[in-house]
Amino acid sequence: MNKKITKTSELAKELGFDEAEKKSIDEQIDNRSVSRKLTVLRAKSGLSQAEIAKKLNTSQSSISKLEYATNDQIKMSRQKIIFNN
C-alpha cells in the first residue's frame, strides 16, 4: 500500500534528498509563508486578484507581486505595502 505524503519533508525524503537539501527546501517554503497565506485567504474568499485589488485600492499586478513575493521582499505599514527589491 502506498503511503499518502502530506508534508514536504516526507516528499523530500521519498525523493532521496539529504538532510541539508530538506532543510533548504523547508527554509524556502517558510520564506514564502506570508504570500502563501494571503493567496489562500483570497482564494477561500472566492475573490480574484482584480477584485481584492479594488477593495484594497491598488492594482491587480500589485496583488500578483504580493502573492509571489518572499517574506523579506514585503514590508507592510498601515498605509501601504512596499516591495523591497
N, C-alpha and C. Protein backbone atom coordinates (compact mmCIF):
# COMPACT_ATOMS: atom_id res chain seq x y z
N MET A 1 0.84 -1.18 0.00
CA MET A 1 0.00 0.00 0.00
C MET A 1 0.89 1.24 0.00
N ASN A 2 0.55 2.19 -0.86
CA ASN A 2 1.32 3.43 -0.93
C ASN A 2 0.90 4.38 0.18
N LYS A 3 1.89 4.97 0.83
CA LYS A 3 1.63 5.92 1.90
C LYS A 3 1.31 7.28 1.28
N LYS A 4 0.29 7.94 1.80
CA LYS A 4 -0.05 9.27 1.33
C LYS A 4 0.94 10.28 1.92
N ILE A 5 1.55 11.06 1.06
CA ILE A 5 2.52 12.06 1.50
C ILE A 5 1.78 13.38 1.73
N THR A 6 1.93 13.94 2.93
CA THR A 6 1.21 15.16 3.28
C THR A 6 2.12 16.33 3.65
N LYS A 7 3.42 16.09 3.75
CA LYS A 7 4.36 17.14 4.13
C LYS A 7 5.51 17.18 3.13
N THR A 8 6.06 18.37 2.94
CA THR A 8 7.18 18.50 2.01
C THR A 8 8.39 17.69 2.49
N SER A 9 8.57 17.60 3.79
CA SER A 9 9.70 16.83 4.31
C SER A 9 9.56 15.35 3.96
N GLU A 10 8.32 14.85 3.98
CA GLU A 10 8.09 13.46 3.60
C GLU A 10 8.39 13.24 2.11
N LEU A 11 7.98 14.19 1.28
CA LEU A 11 8.23 14.10 -0.15
C LEU A 11 9.73 14.15 -0.42
N ALA A 12 10.43 15.06 0.24
CA ALA A 12 11.89 15.17 0.06
C ALA A 12 12.58 13.87 0.45
N LYS A 13 12.15 13.29 1.55
CA LYS A 13 12.74 12.01 1.99
C LYS A 13 12.46 10.92 0.96
N GLU A 14 11.21 10.86 0.48
CA GLU A 14 10.82 9.86 -0.51
C GLU A 14 11.63 10.01 -1.80
N LEU A 15 11.98 11.25 -2.15
CA LEU A 15 12.74 11.51 -3.37
C LEU A 15 14.25 11.37 -3.18
N GLY A 16 14.67 11.08 -1.94
CA GLY A 16 16.07 10.81 -1.68
C GLY A 16 16.93 12.03 -1.37
N PHE A 17 16.31 13.15 -1.01
CA PHE A 17 17.09 14.33 -0.65
C PHE A 17 17.77 14.11 0.69
N ASP A 18 18.98 14.65 0.83
CA ASP A 18 19.67 14.53 2.12
C ASP A 18 19.15 15.61 3.08
N GLU A 19 19.61 15.56 4.31
CA GLU A 19 19.12 16.47 5.36
C GLU A 19 19.35 17.94 5.01
N ALA A 20 20.51 18.27 4.45
CA ALA A 20 20.80 19.67 4.09
C ALA A 20 19.84 20.16 3.01
N GLU A 21 19.56 19.31 2.04
CA GLU A 21 18.63 19.68 0.97
C GLU A 21 17.21 19.83 1.52
N LYS A 22 16.80 18.95 2.41
CA LYS A 22 15.48 19.05 3.02
C LYS A 22 15.35 20.35 3.83
N LYS A 23 16.40 20.70 4.55
CA LYS A 23 16.39 21.94 5.34
C LYS A 23 16.26 23.14 4.41
N SER A 24 16.98 23.14 3.31
CA SER A 24 16.92 24.23 2.34
C SER A 24 15.51 24.37 1.76
N ILE A 25 14.89 23.26 1.45
CA ILE A 25 13.52 23.27 0.91
C ILE A 25 12.57 23.86 1.95
N ASP A 26 12.67 23.42 3.19
CA ASP A 26 11.80 23.94 4.26
C ASP A 26 11.99 25.43 4.45
N GLU A 27 13.24 25.91 4.39
CA GLU A 27 13.52 27.34 4.54
C GLU A 27 12.90 28.14 3.40
N GLN A 28 12.99 27.63 2.19
CA GLN A 28 12.40 28.32 1.05
C GLN A 28 10.89 28.40 1.17
N ILE A 29 10.28 27.34 1.64
CA ILE A 29 8.82 27.34 1.83
C ILE A 29 8.43 28.30 2.95
N ASP A 30 9.17 28.27 4.06
CA ASP A 30 8.88 29.19 5.17
C ASP A 30 9.02 30.64 4.74
N ASN A 31 9.96 30.92 3.84
CA ASN A 31 10.20 32.29 3.39
C ASN A 31 9.08 32.81 2.50
N ARG A 32 8.15 31.97 2.14
CA ARG A 32 7.02 32.40 1.34
C ARG A 32 5.70 32.30 2.12
N SER A 33 5.80 32.20 3.44
CA SER A 33 4.60 31.97 4.24
C SER A 33 3.59 33.11 4.16
N VAL A 34 4.06 34.34 4.15
CA VAL A 34 3.13 35.49 4.09
C VAL A 34 2.36 35.47 2.78
N SER A 35 3.06 35.35 1.67
CA SER A 35 2.38 35.37 0.38
C SER A 35 1.47 34.16 0.21
N ARG A 36 1.91 33.01 0.70
CA ARG A 36 1.10 31.80 0.60
C ARG A 36 -0.20 31.96 1.38
N LYS A 37 -0.11 32.51 2.58
CA LYS A 37 -1.32 32.70 3.40
C LYS A 37 -2.27 33.70 2.76
N LEU A 38 -1.75 34.77 2.21
CA LEU A 38 -2.59 35.76 1.55
C LEU A 38 -3.29 35.16 0.32
N THR A 39 -2.56 34.35 -0.43
CA THR A 39 -3.14 33.69 -1.60
C THR A 39 -4.28 32.77 -1.19
N VAL A 40 -4.07 31.99 -0.14
CA VAL A 40 -5.10 31.06 0.34
C VAL A 40 -6.32 31.83 0.84
N LEU A 41 -6.10 32.88 1.60
CA LEU A 41 -7.23 33.67 2.10
C LEU A 41 -8.04 34.27 0.96
N ARG A 42 -7.36 34.79 -0.06
CA ARG A 42 -8.06 35.37 -1.21
C ARG A 42 -8.86 34.30 -1.93
N ALA A 43 -8.23 33.16 -2.16
CA ALA A 43 -8.90 32.07 -2.87
C ALA A 43 -10.10 31.56 -2.09
N LYS A 44 -9.96 31.41 -0.79
CA LYS A 44 -11.08 30.93 0.04
C LYS A 44 -12.24 31.92 0.03
N SER A 45 -11.93 33.19 -0.12
CA SER A 45 -13.00 34.19 -0.16
C SER A 45 -13.69 34.22 -1.51
N GLY A 46 -13.10 33.55 -2.50
CA GLY A 46 -13.69 33.49 -3.83
C GLY A 46 -13.44 34.73 -4.66
N LEU A 47 -12.49 35.55 -4.24
CA LEU A 47 -12.19 36.79 -4.96
C LEU A 47 -11.03 36.61 -5.92
N SER A 48 -11.10 37.28 -7.04
CA SER A 48 -9.98 37.31 -7.98
C SER A 48 -8.96 38.32 -7.49
N GLN A 49 -7.79 38.31 -8.10
CA GLN A 49 -6.78 39.32 -7.76
C GLN A 49 -7.32 40.71 -8.05
N ALA A 50 -8.03 40.86 -9.16
CA ALA A 50 -8.59 42.17 -9.53
C ALA A 50 -9.61 42.64 -8.51
N GLU A 51 -10.45 41.73 -8.02
CA GLU A 51 -11.48 42.10 -7.05
C GLU A 51 -10.87 42.51 -5.71
N ILE A 52 -9.87 41.77 -5.25
CA ILE A 52 -9.23 42.13 -3.98
C ILE A 52 -8.44 43.43 -4.14
N ALA A 53 -7.86 43.63 -5.31
CA ALA A 53 -7.12 44.87 -5.58
C ALA A 53 -8.04 46.07 -5.48
N LYS A 54 -9.23 45.95 -6.04
CA LYS A 54 -10.20 47.05 -5.98
C LYS A 54 -10.57 47.36 -4.53
N LYS A 55 -10.79 46.31 -3.73
CA LYS A 55 -11.13 46.50 -2.33
C LYS A 55 -9.99 47.18 -1.55
N LEU A 56 -8.75 46.90 -1.97
CA LEU A 56 -7.58 47.47 -1.29
C LEU A 56 -7.07 48.74 -1.95
N ASN A 57 -7.79 49.20 -2.99
CA ASN A 57 -7.41 50.42 -3.70
C ASN A 57 -5.99 50.33 -4.25
N THR A 58 -5.72 49.22 -4.92
CA THR A 58 -4.42 49.01 -5.55
C THR A 58 -4.64 48.32 -6.89
N SER A 59 -3.58 47.95 -7.55
CA SER A 59 -3.70 47.29 -8.85
C SER A 59 -3.64 45.77 -8.73
N GLN A 60 -4.17 45.10 -9.74
CA GLN A 60 -4.11 43.64 -9.78
C GLN A 60 -2.67 43.18 -9.81
N SER A 61 -1.80 43.91 -10.53
CA SER A 61 -0.40 43.49 -10.61
C SER A 61 0.29 43.59 -9.24
N SER A 62 -0.13 44.53 -8.41
CA SER A 62 0.43 44.62 -7.05
C SER A 62 0.03 43.40 -6.23
N ILE A 63 -1.20 42.94 -6.39
CA ILE A 63 -1.65 41.74 -5.67
C ILE A 63 -0.86 40.53 -6.16
N SER A 64 -0.65 40.44 -7.46
CA SER A 64 0.13 39.33 -8.01
C SER A 64 1.54 39.33 -7.46
N LYS A 65 2.17 40.50 -7.44
CA LYS A 65 3.53 40.60 -6.89
C LYS A 65 3.55 40.18 -5.43
N LEU A 66 2.55 40.61 -4.69
CA LEU A 66 2.47 40.27 -3.27
C LEU A 66 2.32 38.76 -3.08
N GLU A 67 1.50 38.13 -3.92
CA GLU A 67 1.28 36.69 -3.78
C GLU A 67 2.49 35.86 -4.18
N TYR A 68 3.39 36.42 -4.96
CA TYR A 68 4.57 35.68 -5.39
C TYR A 68 5.85 36.15 -4.70
N ALA A 69 5.74 37.10 -3.80
CA ALA A 69 6.91 37.65 -3.11
C ALA A 69 7.36 36.74 -1.98
N THR A 70 8.62 36.86 -1.62
CA THR A 70 9.13 36.19 -0.43
C THR A 70 8.95 37.13 0.75
N ASN A 71 8.97 36.58 1.95
CA ASN A 71 8.74 37.38 3.15
C ASN A 71 9.66 38.59 3.23
N ASP A 72 10.92 38.41 2.87
CA ASP A 72 11.87 39.51 3.00
C ASP A 72 11.68 40.59 1.94
N GLN A 73 10.82 40.35 0.96
CA GLN A 73 10.53 41.35 -0.06
C GLN A 73 9.32 42.21 0.30
N ILE A 74 8.65 41.89 1.39
CA ILE A 74 7.41 42.56 1.76
C ILE A 74 7.61 43.37 3.03
N LYS A 75 7.25 44.62 2.97
CA LYS A 75 7.24 45.47 4.16
C LYS A 75 5.86 46.11 4.19
N MET A 76 5.15 45.93 5.30
CA MET A 76 3.79 46.43 5.39
C MET A 76 3.70 47.53 6.42
N SER A 77 2.91 48.53 6.08
CA SER A 77 2.60 49.58 7.04
C SER A 77 1.08 49.76 7.01
N ARG A 78 0.56 50.62 7.85
CA ARG A 78 -0.89 50.84 7.88
C ARG A 78 -1.37 51.48 6.59
N GLN A 79 -0.52 52.22 5.91
CA GLN A 79 -0.94 52.94 4.73
C GLN A 79 -0.74 52.17 3.42
N LYS A 80 0.31 51.34 3.35
CA LYS A 80 0.60 50.70 2.07
C LYS A 80 1.51 49.48 2.25
N ILE A 81 1.63 48.75 1.18
CA ILE A 81 2.54 47.61 1.12
C ILE A 81 3.70 48.02 0.24
N ILE A 82 4.92 47.77 0.69
CA ILE A 82 6.12 48.16 -0.04
C ILE A 82 6.88 46.90 -0.40
N PHE A 83 7.32 46.81 -1.65
CA PHE A 83 8.11 45.68 -2.09
C PHE A 83 9.57 46.07 -2.05
N ASN A 84 10.38 45.33 -1.31
CA ASN A 84 11.82 45.57 -1.27
C ASN A 84 12.46 44.86 -2.43
N ASN A 85 13.17 45.54 -3.25
CA ASN A 85 13.85 44.90 -4.39
C ASN A 85 15.29 44.58 -4.08
